[in-house]
Protein backbone atom coordinates (compact mmCIF):
# COMPACT_ATOMS: atom_id res chain seq x y z
CA MET A 1 5.97 2.33 19.66
CA SER A 2 4.27 5.06 21.18
CA ILE A 3 0.61 6.04 20.48
CA PRO A 4 0.25 9.72 19.50
CA LYS A 5 -2.17 12.16 21.34
CA LEU A 6 -4.82 12.90 18.85
CA ASN A 7 -5.48 16.27 18.30
CA THR A 8 -9.61 17.94 18.85
CA SER A 9 -10.49 17.44 15.21
CA ARG A 10 -9.69 13.85 15.85
CA ARG A 11 -11.35 13.33 18.75
CA LYS A 12 -14.38 14.78 16.68
CA CYS A 13 -13.94 11.82 14.26
CA LEU A 14 -13.57 9.11 16.39
CA GLY A 15 -16.86 10.28 18.25
CA ALA A 16 -18.60 10.22 14.95
CA LEU A 17 -16.84 6.51 14.23
CA VAL A 18 -17.75 5.16 17.21
CA ALA A 19 -21.02 5.87 17.40
CA PHE A 20 -22.15 4.68 14.04
CA PRO A 21 -21.72 1.17 14.33
CA LEU A 22 -19.53 -1.23 13.18
CA MET A 23 -21.32 -3.79 10.69
CA ALA A 24 -20.87 -7.46 11.07
CA LEU A 25 -18.26 -9.38 9.31
CA SER A 26 -21.14 -11.77 7.89
CA GLY A 27 -22.52 -11.45 4.19
CA ARG A 28 -21.08 -9.02 1.07
CA HIS A 29 -22.76 -5.39 2.54
CA ALA A 30 -21.65 -6.19 5.99
CA SER A 31 -18.33 -6.86 4.71
CA ALA A 32 -18.46 -4.29 2.94
CA GLY A 33 -19.84 -1.84 5.73
CA ALA A 34 -16.26 -3.44 7.76
CA TYR A 35 -14.31 -2.42 4.64
CA ASP A 36 -15.05 1.09 4.90
CA ASP A 37 -15.00 0.95 8.91
CA PHE A 38 -11.58 -0.35 8.47
CA PHE A 39 -9.84 1.88 6.40
CA ARG A 40 -11.60 4.90 8.13
CA ALA A 41 -10.08 4.02 11.18
CA VAL A 42 -6.58 3.36 9.68
CA LYS A 43 -6.50 7.37 8.67
CA ILE A 44 -7.51 8.45 11.74
CA ASP A 45 -5.04 6.20 13.82
CA HIS A 46 -8.55 4.33 15.98
CA VAL A 47 -6.33 2.01 17.69
CA ALA A 48 -9.47 0.40 19.34
CA VAL A 49 -11.65 -0.27 16.01
CA VAL A 50 -8.89 -2.00 13.98
CA LYS A 51 -8.39 -3.75 17.20
CA SER A 52 -11.79 -4.78 17.09
CA LEU A 53 -12.34 -5.78 13.76
CA LEU A 54 -9.21 -8.03 13.22
CA ALA A 55 -10.78 -9.84 16.26
CA ARG A 56 -13.67 -10.61 14.67
CA GLY A 57 -11.42 -12.13 11.90
CA LEU A 58 -10.94 -9.24 8.98
CA ASP A 59 -8.21 -9.83 7.12
CA PRO A 60 -5.42 -7.69 7.83
CA ASN A 61 -3.96 -7.45 4.46
CA LEU A 62 -7.11 -6.13 3.04
CA ILE A 63 -6.17 -3.78 0.23
CA GLU A 64 -7.94 0.05 -0.63
CA ALA A 65 -9.10 0.80 -4.14
CA GLU A 66 -7.42 3.74 -5.20
CA ARG A 67 -4.32 2.87 -5.00
CA GLY A 68 -4.21 -1.17 -3.43
CA GLU A 69 -2.41 0.18 -0.39
CA THR A 70 -3.05 -1.95 2.72
CA GLY A 71 -3.71 -1.17 6.20
CA LEU A 72 -0.36 -0.96 7.07
CA MET A 73 0.25 1.02 4.27
CA LEU A 74 -1.91 3.02 4.60
CA ALA A 75 -0.78 3.96 8.06
CA LEU A 76 1.93 4.57 7.25
CA ARG A 77 0.95 7.37 4.95
CA GLU A 78 -1.03 9.38 7.47
CA LYS A 79 1.13 8.56 10.14
CA SER A 80 -1.18 6.50 12.40
CA MET A 81 1.44 5.09 14.03
CA GLY A 82 -0.73 3.54 16.66
CA VAL A 83 -2.34 1.10 14.05
CA PHE A 84 1.02 0.95 12.16
CA GLU A 85 2.35 -0.72 15.46
CA LEU A 86 -1.05 -3.02 15.46
CA LEU A 87 -0.98 -4.25 12.39
CA LEU A 88 2.37 -4.99 12.56
CA ASN A 89 1.79 -7.64 15.13
CA ALA A 90 -1.00 -9.02 13.91
CA PRO A 91 -0.50 -12.61 13.19
CA ALA A 92 -1.30 -13.03 9.84
CA ILE A 93 -0.11 -9.68 8.23
CA ASP A 94 1.86 -9.91 5.46
CA LEU A 95 4.97 -7.76 5.23
CA GLU A 96 5.54 -8.31 1.50
CA VAL A 97 1.57 -7.13 0.16
CA GLN A 98 2.72 -5.18 -2.71
CA ALA A 99 0.20 -1.86 -3.76
CA PHE A 100 -0.15 -1.31 -7.20
CA ASN A 101 2.89 0.53 -8.25
CA GLY A 102 5.19 -2.15 -6.46
CA ASN A 103 5.75 -0.62 -3.55
CA THR A 104 6.00 -2.05 -0.02
CA ALA A 105 5.68 -0.97 3.13
CA LEU A 106 9.09 -0.93 3.84
CA MET A 107 9.47 1.36 0.72
CA PHE A 108 6.69 3.18 1.81
CA ALA A 109 8.49 3.44 5.26
CA SER A 110 12.36 4.21 3.36
CA TYR A 111 10.66 7.18 1.68
CA GLN A 112 9.37 9.21 4.34
CA GLY A 113 12.35 8.65 6.48
CA ASN A 114 10.97 6.89 9.36
CA LEU A 115 13.79 4.87 10.76
CA GLN A 116 11.84 3.87 13.66
CA ALA A 117 9.23 2.08 10.89
CA VAL A 118 11.95 1.22 9.18
CA LYS A 119 13.50 -1.00 12.00
CA ALA A 120 10.09 -2.32 13.24
CA LEU A 121 9.28 -3.70 10.00
CA ILE A 122 12.70 -5.56 9.28
CA ALA A 123 12.70 -6.49 13.23
CA LYS A 124 9.81 -8.56 11.50
CA GLY A 125 11.43 -10.20 8.78
CA ALA A 126 10.29 -7.55 5.97
CA GLU A 127 12.38 -7.84 2.75
CA VAL A 128 14.94 -5.78 2.49
CA ASN A 129 15.57 -6.44 -1.63
CA LYS A 130 13.50 -7.05 -4.73
CA PRO A 131 13.09 -7.03 -8.02
CA GLY A 132 13.05 -3.64 -9.50
CA TRP A 133 13.01 -0.48 -7.06
CA THR A 134 13.56 -1.09 -3.86
CA PRO A 135 13.68 0.46 -0.45
CA LEU A 136 17.85 1.24 -0.57
CA HIS A 137 16.64 3.32 -3.91
CA TYR A 138 13.83 5.78 -1.69
CA ALA A 139 16.02 6.26 0.70
CA ALA A 140 18.65 7.53 -1.14
CA SER A 141 16.02 9.23 -2.83
CA ILE A 142 15.39 11.70 -0.19
CA GLY A 143 19.39 11.40 1.16
CA ASN A 144 18.80 9.51 4.59
CA ASN A 145 21.49 8.10 5.71
CA ASP A 146 20.31 6.53 8.55
CA ILE A 147 18.28 4.30 6.53
CA VAL A 148 20.56 3.98 3.67
CA GLN A 149 23.38 2.72 6.26
CA LEU A 150 20.62 0.40 8.04
CA LEU A 151 19.70 -1.20 5.30
CA LEU A 152 23.09 -2.05 3.75
CA GLU A 153 23.71 -3.19 7.14
CA LYS A 154 21.12 -5.75 6.36
CA SER A 155 22.74 -7.01 3.02
CA ALA A 156 20.41 -4.71 1.01
CA TYR A 157 21.98 -4.96 -2.47
CA ILE A 158 23.81 -1.34 -2.96
CA ASP A 159 23.65 -1.19 -7.13
CA ALA A 160 20.22 -2.23 -6.87
CA ASP A 161 19.13 -1.43 -10.66
CA SER A 162 15.35 -0.26 -11.26
CA PRO A 163 13.30 -1.76 -14.13
CA ASN A 164 14.99 1.15 -16.20
CA LYS A 165 18.41 0.09 -14.13
CA THR A 166 18.77 2.95 -12.18
CA THR A 167 20.69 2.56 -8.90
CA PRO A 168 20.44 4.18 -5.89
CA ILE A 169 23.66 5.87 -6.17
CA MET A 170 21.65 7.33 -9.36
CA MET A 171 18.71 8.70 -6.90
CA ALA A 172 21.00 10.24 -4.19
CA ALA A 173 23.22 12.31 -7.02
CA ARG A 174 19.95 13.14 -8.74
CA GLY A 175 18.27 13.93 -5.07
CA GLY A 176 21.71 16.42 -4.78
CA HIS A 177 22.63 13.93 -1.75
CA ILE A 178 25.99 14.77 -1.42
CA MET A 179 26.49 12.92 2.33
CA THR A 180 24.43 10.14 0.43
CA VAL A 181 26.40 10.01 -2.77
CA LYS A 182 29.46 8.94 -0.38
CA LEU A 183 28.40 6.94 1.76
CA LEU A 184 27.29 4.76 -1.19
CA LEU A 185 30.91 5.18 -2.64
CA ASP A 186 32.45 4.41 0.84
CA GLU A 187 30.10 0.57 0.76
CA GLY A 188 31.55 0.30 -2.16
CA ALA A 189 28.72 1.25 -4.74
CA ASP A 190 29.73 1.44 -8.67
CA ALA A 191 29.24 4.80 -9.58
CA SER A 192 29.87 3.55 -13.49
CA LEU A 193 27.07 2.08 -14.06
CA LYS A 194 24.75 3.46 -16.76
CA ASN A 195 20.87 3.01 -16.72
CA ASP A 196 18.98 2.12 -19.85
CA ALA A 197 18.57 5.72 -21.08
CA GLY A 198 22.93 5.96 -20.52
CA MET A 199 23.19 7.49 -17.95
CA THR A 200 25.61 7.36 -15.34
CA ALA A 201 25.72 9.26 -11.38
CA ILE A 202 27.41 11.93 -12.76
CA ASP A 203 25.19 12.62 -15.58
CA PHE A 204 21.93 12.29 -12.90
CA ALA A 205 24.13 15.29 -10.87
CA GLU A 206 25.26 17.28 -13.74
CA LYS A 207 21.74 17.32 -15.31
CA ASN A 208 20.51 18.85 -12.15
CA GLU A 209 23.00 21.20 -11.52
CA PHE A 210 24.77 19.35 -8.96
CA LYS A 211 28.66 20.52 -9.85
CA ASP A 212 29.95 19.58 -6.26
CA ILE A 213 28.40 15.80 -6.64
CA ALA A 214 29.30 15.48 -10.88
CA GLU A 215 33.13 16.67 -10.12
CA GLY A 216 33.40 14.23 -6.56
CA LEU A 217 32.26 11.23 -8.73
CA THR A 218 34.57 12.09 -11.53
CA TYR A 219 37.90 12.16 -8.86
CA ARG A 220 36.55 9.23 -7.21
CA LEU A 221 36.37 7.43 -10.80
CA LYS A 222 39.57 8.32 -11.78
CA LYS A 223 41.32 7.48 -8.90
CA ALA A 224 39.54 4.16 -9.02
CA GLY A 225 40.34 3.63 -13.33
CA LYS A 226 37.26 3.50 -13.94
CA LEU A 227 37.47 7.03 -16.11
């Protein structure tokens, strides 16, 4: 991945960061300083600082206190793709670390519609399937068919159910993404499934006033003898 050019405001931030010497990684107070330096550098895509900290032994899987996100997740959130690439290739990186809400880096990338990052994470061995919410749920919820198709090609479970049994096709119907609903149907999704609230994909479409999706799902289910 290419490292994006920095705008003027970012250059000023970088100057301030470089001017402030990094603390050594030994000792409790020094570790706290390195921790702060790490996440500050991730946010502004300062590759050189992150690379220096990693070379001096900093754990690339550190999590920040607010959301429990790793540097890799934060890089995705802040679109710091230079740091993302660096951390992705760090020898000790753990792609399956979960934030406090259960999100993994691949889930972040899928929800953001970042196809390049999704491809890179999968190539490095990120797990496509997991209990609960999955990358496929997130890609379906935003209607990103490129990512949905890629995840399916990598054996994502098409009817994965969330903790309340909501499936990816329900998320696509809820968001009004008719082409994603069609893609999932064509790939074998079961639109007759119900979540814990007793709602099907049709119910999600009707509740959110996506009449075309509700009608299309009803037609397909009747044709398949499931309605």
